[in-house]
C-alpha atoms as a PDB file:
ATOM      1  CA  MET A   1     120.623  58.526  94.329  1.00  0.00           C
ATOM      2  CA  MET A   2     118.102  60.822  94.423  1.00  0.00           C
ATOM      3  CA  PHE A   3     114.072  60.863  95.704  1.00  0.00           C
ATOM      4  CA  SER A   4     110.565  61.930  94.044  1.00  0.00           C
ATOM      5  CA  ARG A   5     107.377  62.493  95.832  1.00  0.00           C
ATOM      6  CA  LYS A   6     104.463  60.426  94.799  1.00  0.00           C
ATOM      7  CA  ARG A   7     101.598  58.847  96.621  1.00  0.00           C
ATOM      8  CA  GLU A   8     100.050  55.541  96.066  1.00  0.00           C
ATOM      9  CA  GLY A   9      98.049  53.405  98.093  1.00  0.00           C
ATOM     10  CA  ALA A  10      99.203  50.540  99.429  1.00  0.00           C
ATOM     11  CA  LYS A  11      97.076  47.061  99.040  1.00  0.00           C
ATOM     12  CA  HIS A  12      96.177  44.813 101.511  1.00  0.00           C
ATOM     13  CA  VAL A  13      95.157  41.221 100.065  1.00  0.00           C
ATOM     14  CA  ARG A  14      94.071  37.958 101.973  1.00  0.00           C
ATOM     15  CA  ALA A  15      96.634  35.505 103.668  1.00  0.00           C
ATOM     16  CA  ALA A  16      98.733  32.704 101.624  1.00  0.00           C
ATOM     17  CA  ASP A  17      99.409  29.266 102.119  1.00  0.00           C
ATOM     18  CA  ALA A  18     102.041  28.386  99.645  1.00  0.00           C
ATOM     19  CA  PRO A  19     104.681  26.087 100.327  1.00  0.00           C
ATOM     20  CA  PRO A  20     108.051  27.136 101.366  1.00  0.00           C
ATOM     21  CA  SER A  21     110.240  28.558  98.390  1.00  0.00           C
ATOM     22  CA  LYS A  22     114.148  27.329  97.947  1.00  0.00           C
ATOM     23  CA  ALA A  23     115.108  30.565  99.864  1.00  0.00           C
ATOM     24  CA  LEU A  24     113.204  30.126 102.632  1.00  0.00           C
ATOM     25  CA  ALA A  25     114.251  26.755 102.913  1.00  0.00           C
ATOM     26  CA  LYS A  26     117.669  27.259 103.190  1.00  0.00           C
ATOM     27  CA  SER A  27     116.925  30.636 105.776  1.00  0.00           C
ATOM     28  CA  LEU A  28     114.757  27.938 107.932  1.00  0.00           C
ATOM     29  CA  ALA A  29     117.731  25.319 107.351  1.00  0.00           C
ATOM     30  CA  ALA A  30     120.274  27.988 108.949  1.00  0.00           C
ATOM     31  CA  ASP A  31     118.365  28.307 111.685  1.00  0.00           C
ATOM     32  CA  GLY A  32     119.088  24.794 112.537  1.00  0.00           C
ATOM     33  CA  GLY A  33     122.900  24.913 111.653  1.00  0.00           C
ATOM     34  CA  ALA A  34     122.980  24.575 107.762  1.00  0.00           C
ATOM     35  CA  PRO A  35     125.299  27.068 106.169  1.00  0.00           C
ATOM     36  CA  ALA A  36     123.462  30.314 104.949  1.00  0.00           C
ATOM     37  CA  PRO A  37     122.373  30.757 101.705  1.00  0.00           C
ATOM     38  CA  GLU A  38     125.185  31.601  99.107  1.00  0.00           C
ATOM     39  CA  PHE A  39     123.308  35.044  97.724  1.00  0.00           C
ATOM     40  CA  GLY A  40     120.454  37.432  98.776  1.00  0.00           C
ATOM     41  CA  PRO A  41     118.287  38.984  99.428  1.00  0.00           C
ATOM     42  CA  TRP A  42     119.414  38.285 102.845  1.00  0.00           C
ATOM     43  CA  ASP A  43     117.689  38.061 106.487  1.00  0.00           C
ATOM     44  CA  ALA A  44     119.283  40.429 108.682  1.00  0.00           C
ATOM     45  CA  LYS A  45     120.673  37.473 110.626  1.00  0.00           C
ATOM     46  CA  HIS A  46     122.535  36.153 107.761  1.00  0.00           C
ATOM     47  CA  ALA A  47     123.868  39.061 105.960  1.00  0.00           C
ATOM     48  CA  PRO A  48     127.493  39.927 104.930  1.00  0.00           C
ATOM     49  CA  ASP A  49     129.022  43.020 107.431  1.00  0.00           C
ATOM     50  CA  ASP A  50     131.035  44.142 105.057  1.00  0.00           C
ATOM     51  CA  VAL A  51     129.153  45.480 102.831  1.00  0.00           C
ATOM     52  CA  GLN A  52     128.411  49.244 102.847  1.00  0.00           C
ATOM     53  CA  ARG A  53     124.502  49.798 102.356  1.00  0.00           C
ATOM     54  CA  LEU A  54     121.620  52.688 101.842  1.00  0.00           C
ATOM     55  CA  ASP A  55     119.451  52.067 105.089  1.00  0.00           C
ATOM     56  CA  LEU A  56     115.835  52.525 104.244  1.00  0.00           C
ATOM     57  CA  GLY A  57     114.275  50.936 107.355  1.00  0.00           C
ATOM     58  CA  SER A  58     113.348  47.306 106.576  1.00  0.00           C
ATOM     59  CA  LEU A  59     115.185  47.226 103.662  1.00  0.00           C
ATOM     60  CA  GLN A  60     118.865  47.310 103.113  1.00  0.00           C
ATOM     61  CA  ILE A  61     120.416  48.094  99.612  1.00  0.00           C
ATOM     62  CA  PRO A  62     123.878  47.829  98.492  1.00  0.00           C
ATOM     63  CA  ALA A  63     125.741  50.759  97.549  1.00  0.00           C
ATOM     64  CA  ILE A  64     126.902  49.869  93.882  1.00  0.00           C
ATOM     65  CA  GLU A  65     128.617  52.126  91.043  1.00  0.00           C
ATOM     66  CA  GLY A  66     126.131  52.612  88.513  1.00  0.00           C
ATOM     67  CA  VAL A  67     122.975  51.694  90.390  1.00  0.00           C
ATOM     68  CA  GLU A  68     121.118  54.979  90.563  1.00  0.00           C
ATOM     69  CA  VAL A  69     118.441  54.903  93.685  1.00  0.00           C
ATOM     70  CA  ARG A  70     114.984  56.280  93.373  1.00  0.00           C
ATOM     71  CA  VAL A  71     112.958  56.632  96.474  1.00  0.00           C
ATOM     72  CA  GLN A  72     109.234  58.133  96.242  1.00  0.00           C
ATOM     73  CA  ALA A  73     108.004  59.608  99.585  1.00  0.00           C
ATOM     74  CA  ASN A  74     105.050  60.921 100.454  1.00  0.00           C
ATOM     75  CA  PRO A  75     104.241  64.465 102.391  1.00  0.00           C
ATOM     76  CA  ASP A  76     105.373  63.028 105.698  1.00  0.00           C
ATOM     77  CA  GLY A  77     108.555  61.483 104.223  1.00  0.00           C
ATOM     78  CA  ALA A  78     107.337  57.372 104.351  1.00  0.00           C
ATOM     79  CA  VAL A  79     108.838  55.738 101.700  1.00  0.00           C
ATOM     80  CA  GLU A  80     106.345  54.217  99.011  1.00  0.00           C
ATOM     81  CA  GLN A  81     108.055  52.749  96.660  1.00  0.00           C
ATOM     82  CA  ILE A  82     111.651  52.275  95.551  1.00  0.00           C
ATOM     83  CA  VAL A  83     113.110  51.784  92.453  1.00  0.00           C
ATOM     84  CA  LEU A  84     116.836  51.014  90.711  1.00  0.00           C
ATOM     85  CA  VAL A  85     117.883  52.130  87.388  1.00  0.00           C
ATOM     86  CA  ASP A  86     120.744  51.238  85.315  1.00  0.00           C
ATOM     87  CA  GLY A  87     120.803  52.689  81.727  1.00  0.00           C
ATOM     88  CA  GLU A  88     117.437  51.087  79.723  1.00  0.00           C
ATOM     89  CA  SER A  89     116.981  48.949  82.750  1.00  0.00           C
ATOM     90  CA  ALA A  90     114.967  48.993  86.222  1.00  0.00           C
ATOM     91  CA  LEU A  91     114.327  47.083  89.346  1.00  0.00           C
ATOM     92  CA  GLN A  92     111.112  48.159  91.041  1.00  0.00           C
ATOM     93  CA  ILE A  93     111.407  46.655  95.111  1.00  0.00           C
ATOM     94  CA  GLY A  94     108.403  45.651  97.246  1.00  0.00           C
ATOM     95  CA  VAL A  95     109.132  43.874 100.645  1.00  0.00           C
ATOM     96  CA  PHE A  96     106.124  42.571 102.437  1.00  0.00           C
ATOM     97  CA  ALA A  97     105.491  40.881 105.581  1.00  0.00           C
ATOM     98  CA  ALA A  98     104.814  37.042 105.598  1.00  0.00           C
ATOM     99  CA  PRO A  99     104.686  33.909 108.083  1.00  0.00           C
ATOM    100  CA  LYS A 100     107.679  32.544 109.201  1.00  0.00           C
ATOM    101  CA  THR A 101     107.560  29.124 107.464  1.00  0.00           C
ATOM    102  CA  GLU A 102     105.005  29.578 104.824  1.00  0.00           C
ATOM    103  CA  GLY A 103     106.182  31.162 101.613  1.00  0.00           C
ATOM    104  CA  ILE A 104     103.545  33.856  99.546  1.00  0.00           C
ATOM    105  CA  TRP A 105     105.646  34.460  96.526  1.00  0.00           C
ATOM    106  CA  GLY A 106     103.332  31.089  94.226  1.00  0.00           C
ATOM    107  CA  GLU A 107     100.204  32.927  95.414  1.00  0.00           C
ATOM    108  CA  VAL A 108     101.149  36.038  94.644  1.00  0.00           C
ATOM    109  CA  ARG A 109     102.532  35.285  91.208  1.00  0.00           C
ATOM    110  CA  GLU A 110      99.412  33.747  90.409  1.00  0.00           C
ATOM    111  CA  GLU A 111      97.389  36.894  91.379  1.00  0.00           C
ATOM    112  CA  ILE A 112      99.505  38.950  89.657  1.00  0.00           C
ATOM    113  CA  ALA A 113      99.113  36.663  86.437  1.00  0.00           C
ATOM    114  CA  THR A 114      95.389  36.339  86.663  1.00  0.00           C
ATOM    115  CA  ALA A 115      95.079  40.139  86.771  1.00  0.00           C
ATOM    116  CA  MET A 116      97.493  40.192  83.744  1.00  0.00           C
ATOM    117  CA  THR A 117      95.371  37.770  81.693  1.00  0.00           C
ATOM    118  CA  ALA A 118      92.232  39.788  82.431  1.00  0.00           C
ATOM    119  CA  ASP A 119      93.874  43.008  80.702  1.00  0.00           C
ATOM    120  CA  GLY A 120      94.243  40.817  78.001  1.00  0.00           C
ATOM    121  CA  VAL A 121      98.256  40.462  78.522  1.00  0.00           C
ATOM    122  CA  ASP A 122     100.282  36.852  78.236  1.00  0.00           C
ATOM    123  CA  ALA A 123     101.510  36.312  81.099  1.00  0.00           C
ATOM    124  CA  ARG A 124     104.100  33.217  80.977  1.00  0.00           C
ATOM    125  CA  GLU A 125     105.466  31.463  84.021  1.00  0.00           C
ATOM    126  CA  VAL A 126     109.546  30.643  83.374  1.00  0.00           C
ATOM    127  CA  ASP A 127     112.628  29.147  85.895  1.00  0.00           C
ATOM    128  CA  GLY A 128     114.857  31.817  86.976  1.00  0.00           C
ATOM    129  CA  ARG A 129     117.526  31.984  89.709  1.00  0.00           C
ATOM    130  CA  TYR A 130     114.965  32.199  92.411  1.00  0.00           C
ATOM    131  CA  GLY A 131     112.377  29.560  91.516  1.00  0.00           C
ATOM    132  CA  ILE A 132     109.452  30.498  89.352  1.00  0.00           C
ATOM    133  CA  GLU A 133     109.285  34.081  87.424  1.00  0.00           C
ATOM    134  CA  LEU A 134     106.595  35.952  85.614  1.00  0.00           C
ATOM    135  CA  ILE A 135     107.419  37.736  82.289  1.00  0.00           C
ATOM    136  CA  ALA A 136     104.792  39.420  80.068  1.00  0.00           C
ATOM    137  CA  ARG A 137     105.006  42.321  77.293  1.00  0.00           C
ATOM    138  CA  VAL A 138     102.631  44.883  78.472  1.00  0.00           C
ATOM    139  CA  ASN A 139     101.285  48.177  76.946  1.00  0.00           C
ATOM    140  CA  THR A 140     102.406  51.452  78.112  1.00  0.00           C
ATOM    141  CA  PRO A 141     101.529  55.000  76.761  1.00  0.00           C
ATOM    142  CA  ASP A 142     105.412  54.766  75.123  1.00  0.00           C
ATOM    143  CA  GLY A 143     104.470  51.346  73.566  1.00  0.00           C
ATOM    144  CA  PRO A 144     105.205  47.606  74.230  1.00  0.00           C
ATOM    145  CA  ALA A 145     107.647  46.833  76.990  1.00  0.00           C
ATOM    146  CA  ASP A 146     108.951  43.447  78.678  1.00  0.00           C
ATOM    147  CA  VAL A 147     108.339  43.059  82.589  1.00  0.00           C
ATOM    148  CA  ARG A 148     109.345  40.219  84.682  1.00  0.00           C
ATOM    149  CA  PHE A 149     108.641  39.459  88.341  1.00  0.00           C
ATOM    150  CA  VAL A 150     110.476  37.624  90.784  1.00  0.00           C
ATOM    151  CA  GLY A 151     109.498  36.615  94.100  1.00  0.00           C
ATOM    152  CA  VAL A 152     111.866  35.553  97.160  1.00  0.00           C
ATOM    153  CA  ASP A 153     110.302  34.455 100.309  1.00  0.00           C
ATOM    154  CA  GLY A 154     112.037  34.643 103.657  1.00  0.00           C
ATOM    155  CA  PRO A 155     111.391  34.410 106.735  1.00  0.00           C
ATOM    156  CA  ARG A 156     108.424  36.341 108.125  1.00  0.00           C
ATOM    157  CA  TRP A 157     109.067  38.598 104.509  1.00  0.00           C
ATOM    158  CA  MET A 158     108.558  38.607 100.750  1.00  0.00           C
ATOM    159  CA  VAL A 159     110.910  40.489  98.455  1.00  0.00           C
ATOM    160  CA  ARG A 160     109.001  41.442  95.142  1.00  0.00           C
ATOM    161  CA  ALA A 161     110.878  42.578  92.407  1.00  0.00           C
ATOM    162  CA  LEU A 162     109.709  43.716  88.972  1.00  0.00           C
ATOM    163  CA  PHE A 163     112.287  44.034  86.437  1.00  0.00           C
ATOM    164  CA  GLN A 164     111.536  46.359  83.300  1.00  0.00           C
ATOM    165  CA  GLY A 165     113.565  47.011  80.128  1.00  0.00           C
ATOM    166  CA  ALA A 166     116.749  45.073  78.903  1.00  0.00           C
ATOM    167  CA  ALA A 167     116.699  43.134  82.384  1.00  0.00           C
ATOM    168  CA  ALA A 168     113.423  41.998  81.930  1.00  0.00           C
ATOM    169  CA  ALA A 169     113.570  40.624  78.255  1.00  0.00           C
ATOM    170  CA  ASP A 170     117.133  38.911  78.646  1.00  0.00           C
ATOM    171  CA  ARG A 171     118.118  37.731  82.226  1.00  0.00           C
ATOM    172  CA  SER A 172     121.294  38.246  81.041  1.00  0.00           C
ATOM    173  CA  LYS A 173     121.654  41.667  81.151  1.00  0.00           C
ATOM    174  CA  GLU A 174     120.733  42.535  84.747  1.00  0.00           C
ATOM    175  CA  GLY A 175     124.306  43.575  85.241  1.00  0.00           C
ATOM    176  CA  VAL A 176     124.435  45.654  88.566  1.00  0.00           C
ATOM    177  CA  LEU A 177     120.815  45.318  88.919  1.00  0.00           C
ATOM    178  CA  GLY A 178     120.743  41.558  89.618  1.00  0.00           C
ATOM    179  CA  GLU A 179     124.014  42.285  92.071  1.00  0.00           C
ATOM    180  CA  ALA A 180     121.898  44.874  93.890  1.00  0.00           C
ATOM    181  CA  LEU A 181     118.845  42.291  94.421  1.00  0.00           C
ATOM    182  CA  GLU A 182     121.395  39.643  95.664  1.00  0.00           C
ATOM    183  CA  GLY A 183     122.594  42.050  97.962  1.00  0.00           C
ATOM    184  CA  MET A 184     120.147  43.345  99.455  1.00  0.00           C
ATOM    185  CA  VAL A 185     119.245  42.866 103.388  1.00  0.00           C
ATOM    186  CA  VAL A 186     115.870  42.113 104.587  1.00  0.00           C
ATOM    187  CA  VAL A 187     115.426  43.708 108.443  1.00  0.00           C
ATOM    188  CA  ARG A 188     112.103  41.954 109.831  1.00  0.00           C
ATOM    189  CA  ASP A 189     111.181  43.694 113.121  1.00  0.00           C
ATOM    190  CA  GLU A 190     109.112  42.138 115.600  1.00  0.00           C
ATOM    191  CA  GLU A 191     105.773  43.225 115.158  1.00  0.00           C
ATOM    192  CA  PRO A 192     103.513  40.930 114.160  1.00  0.00           C
ATOM    193  CA  ARG A 193     101.490  42.165 111.114  1.00  0.00           C
ATOM    194  CA  PRO A 194      98.914  41.134 108.641  1.00  0.00           C
ATOM    195  CA  VAL A 195     100.511  38.722 105.595  1.00  0.00           C
ATOM    196  CA  ARG A 196     101.370  40.909 102.429  1.00  0.00           C
ATOM    197  CA  GLU A 197     101.185  44.277 104.509  1.00  0.00           C
ATOM    198  CA  PRO A 198     104.064  46.335 103.203  1.00  0.00           C
ATOM    199  CA  LEU A 199     107.248  46.232 105.767  1.00  0.00           C
ATOM    200  CA  PRO A 200     107.759  50.068 107.035  1.00  0.00           C
ATOM    201  CA  LEU A 201     110.208  51.675 104.995  1.00  0.00           C
ATOM    202  CA  ARG A 202     111.992  55.437 105.707  1.00  0.00           C
ATOM    203  CA  LEU A 203     114.486  57.869 104.126  1.00  0.00           C
ATOM    204  CA  PRO A 204     118.028  57.529 104.658  1.00  0.00           C
ATOM    205  CA  ALA A 205     119.190  60.271 106.672  1.00  0.00           C
ATOM    206  CA  GLU A 206     120.897  62.229 103.769  1.00  0.00           C
ATOM    207  CA  MET A 207     117.759  62.099 102.031  1.00  0.00           C
ATOM    208  CA  ALA A 208     115.581  63.010 104.808  1.00  0.00           C
ATOM    209  CA  GLU A 209     117.380  65.930 105.178  1.00  0.00           C
ATOM    210  CA  GLN A 210     117.095  67.304 101.292  1.00  0.00           C
ATOM    211  CA  ASN A 211     113.234  66.543 102.171  1.00  0.00           C
ATOM    212  CA  ALA A 212     113.470  68.637 105.141  1.00  0.00           C
ATOM    213  CA  GLU A 213     115.213  71.744 103.192  1.00  0.00           C
ATOM    214  CA  GLN A 214     112.619  71.019 100.420  1.00  0.00           C
ATOM    215  CA  ASN A 215     109.671  71.159 102.600  1.00  0.00           C
ATOM    216  CA  PRO A 216     110.344  73.539 105.647  1.00  0.00           C
ATOM    217  CA  ALA A 217     106.821  73.793 106.497  1.00  0.00           C
ATOM    218  CA  GLN A 218     106.593  70.386 107.487  1.00  0.00           C
ATOM    219  CA  GLN A 219     108.738  71.268 110.344  1.00  0.00           C
ATOM    220  CA  VAL A 220     107.740  71.406 113.923  1.00  0.00           C
END
């Protein structure tokens, strides 16, 4: 595991009123005594407890052999971006506040598609394991690249996953990155938060120690 330092501003946008997704519906049903979802991302109250995970605060990532976890933090140590890497594929993860009973992925997906179209990118909706996904080929400094957006609505949270590389072009090549996504756990605190606000993330203890060693001037 490793982490790098990069500062990127978070964007807050308007609330959503999209209908619940399948994942959210399963989670709400579980609250009423129905079986919990078969796979994650899990809400903390449904997550299996026999899995070793990297604790990033509001998000816990399963420790899976072959998955490199790259965490970008600001100078204060607050996590701003999480990227999982496996060979030629990458998975960028974000976790955001959402209503308890309403999914927001539908509206978020529409906004992403609209922004891509404005940039001249052809974004298409396809059916995936978690519901409707968004795929596109974008231009990068290194040439055209495939991307695939996946959204998972949970109770008072939403996970946005961005596959890049081989796993974006071909879902069957998700491999361990797909396993990492389905094994993630969201730990939503009880603090009221605006819809779409990024949930707080922190460096794991081992990474925080490394950060402190590299930046002794920040210690008091």
